[in-house]
Amino acid sequence: MTDSVYINKPHSWQALLSEMTAEMHQNLKTAIELGKWPSGDRLTTEQIEHCLQAVIAYDERHLPAIERVAYIDRSKLAAKTSDKT
């Protein structure tokens, strides 16, 4: 994404996360999955990293743990471990 995409570019991560909508969150996830922006431009490594950070931070603020990116259900592992003792 280029700077021209943003009319009011956020001045901090906190501002970005405060202004991020569910649609923006989904668009970032799609861009990460496809490795490119809707325009067809490929994401750079740095852009992927920033998008991932934004998605994870948004998830932390707005979604229950089970719906977050990279959620791992450890309840079955805990149950197996307690069965062995």
Protein backbone atom coordinates (compact mmCIF):
# COMPACT_ATOMS: atom_id res chain seq x y z
CA MET A 1 0.00 0.00 0.00
CA THR A 2 1.25 3.41 -0.76
CA ASP A 3 0.88 6.55 1.34
CA SER A 4 -1.58 7.92 -1.22
CA VAL A 5 -4.10 5.29 -0.10
CA TYR A 6 -4.46 6.99 3.28
CA ILE A 7 -5.97 10.44 3.38
CA ASN A 8 -5.50 10.64 7.15
CA LYS A 9 -2.53 8.41 7.86
CA PRO A 10 -2.53 7.24 11.51
CA HIS A 11 0.30 8.71 13.56
CA SER A 12 0.79 5.68 15.83
CA TRP A 13 -0.05 2.00 16.28
CA GLN A 14 -2.62 2.95 18.92
CA ALA A 15 -4.34 5.31 16.48
CA LEU A 16 -4.26 2.69 13.74
CA LEU A 17 -5.82 0.06 16.00
CA SER A 18 -8.43 2.50 17.26
CA GLU A 19 -9.49 3.32 13.69
CA MET A 20 -9.27 -0.22 12.30
CA THR A 21 -12.62 -1.73 11.33
CA ALA A 22 -13.55 -5.39 11.04
CA GLU A 23 -13.49 -4.95 7.25
CA MET A 24 -9.96 -3.52 7.34
CA HIS A 25 -8.90 -6.40 9.59
CA GLN A 26 -10.30 -8.94 7.12
CA ASN A 27 -8.64 -7.15 4.19
CA LEU A 28 -5.27 -7.32 5.93
CA LYS A 29 -5.74 -11.03 6.61
CA THR A 30 -6.62 -11.63 2.96
CA ALA A 31 -3.58 -9.65 1.80
CA ILE A 32 -1.35 -11.74 4.07
CA GLU A 33 -2.89 -15.00 2.84
CA LEU A 34 -2.54 -14.07 -0.84
CA GLY A 35 0.75 -12.21 -0.47
CA LYS A 36 -0.59 -9.26 -2.43
CA TRP A 37 -2.78 -6.18 -2.13
CA PRO A 38 -6.14 -5.99 -3.92
CA SER A 39 -4.36 -3.94 -6.62
CA GLY A 40 -2.20 -6.99 -7.37
CA ASP A 41 1.00 -5.47 -5.95
CA ARG A 42 2.99 -8.01 -3.94
CA LEU A 43 3.53 -7.39 -0.24
CA THR A 44 7.11 -6.86 0.84
CA THR A 45 8.49 -8.81 3.78
CA GLU A 46 8.22 -5.67 5.89
CA GLN A 47 4.59 -5.13 4.88
CA ILE A 48 3.73 -8.73 5.76
CA GLU A 49 5.33 -8.28 9.19
CA HIS A 50 3.44 -5.03 9.83
CA CYS A 51 0.15 -6.52 8.64
CA LEU A 52 0.63 -9.53 10.91
CA GLN A 53 1.35 -7.27 13.87
CA ALA A 54 -1.78 -5.23 13.16
CA VAL A 55 -3.96 -8.33 12.76
CA ILE A 56 -2.66 -9.89 15.98
CA ALA A 57 -3.12 -6.64 17.92
CA TYR A 58 -6.65 -6.20 16.54
CA ASP A 59 -7.50 -9.80 17.44
CA GLU A 60 -6.22 -9.25 20.98
CA ARG A 61 -8.48 -6.22 21.43
CA HIS A 62 -11.64 -7.41 19.71
CA LEU A 63 -11.87 -11.21 19.51
CA PRO A 64 -12.20 -13.98 22.06
CA ALA A 65 -9.09 -16.16 22.32
CA ILE A 66 -10.62 -19.04 20.35
CA GLU A 67 -11.14 -16.77 17.28
CA ARG A 68 -7.67 -15.20 17.24
CA VAL A 69 -4.96 -15.85 14.69
CA ALA A 70 -2.73 -18.76 15.73
CA TYR A 71 -5.06 -19.90 18.53
CA ILE A 72 -4.07 -23.31 19.85
CA ASP A 73 -6.60 -25.31 21.85
CA ARG A 74 -4.52 -26.73 24.65
CA SER A 75 -7.42 -28.27 26.58
CA LYS A 76 -6.94 -31.71 24.98
CA LEU A 77 -3.21 -31.59 25.70
CA ALA A 78 -3.90 -30.64 29.31
CA ALA A 79 -6.39 -33.51 29.60
CA LYS A 80 -3.89 -36.03 28.20
CA THR A 81 -1.18 -34.79 30.57
CA SER A 82 -3.45 -35.04 33.63
CA ASP A 83 -4.55 -38.57 32.60
CA LYS A 84 -0.93 -39.77 32.74
CA THR A 85 -0.41 -38.67 36.36
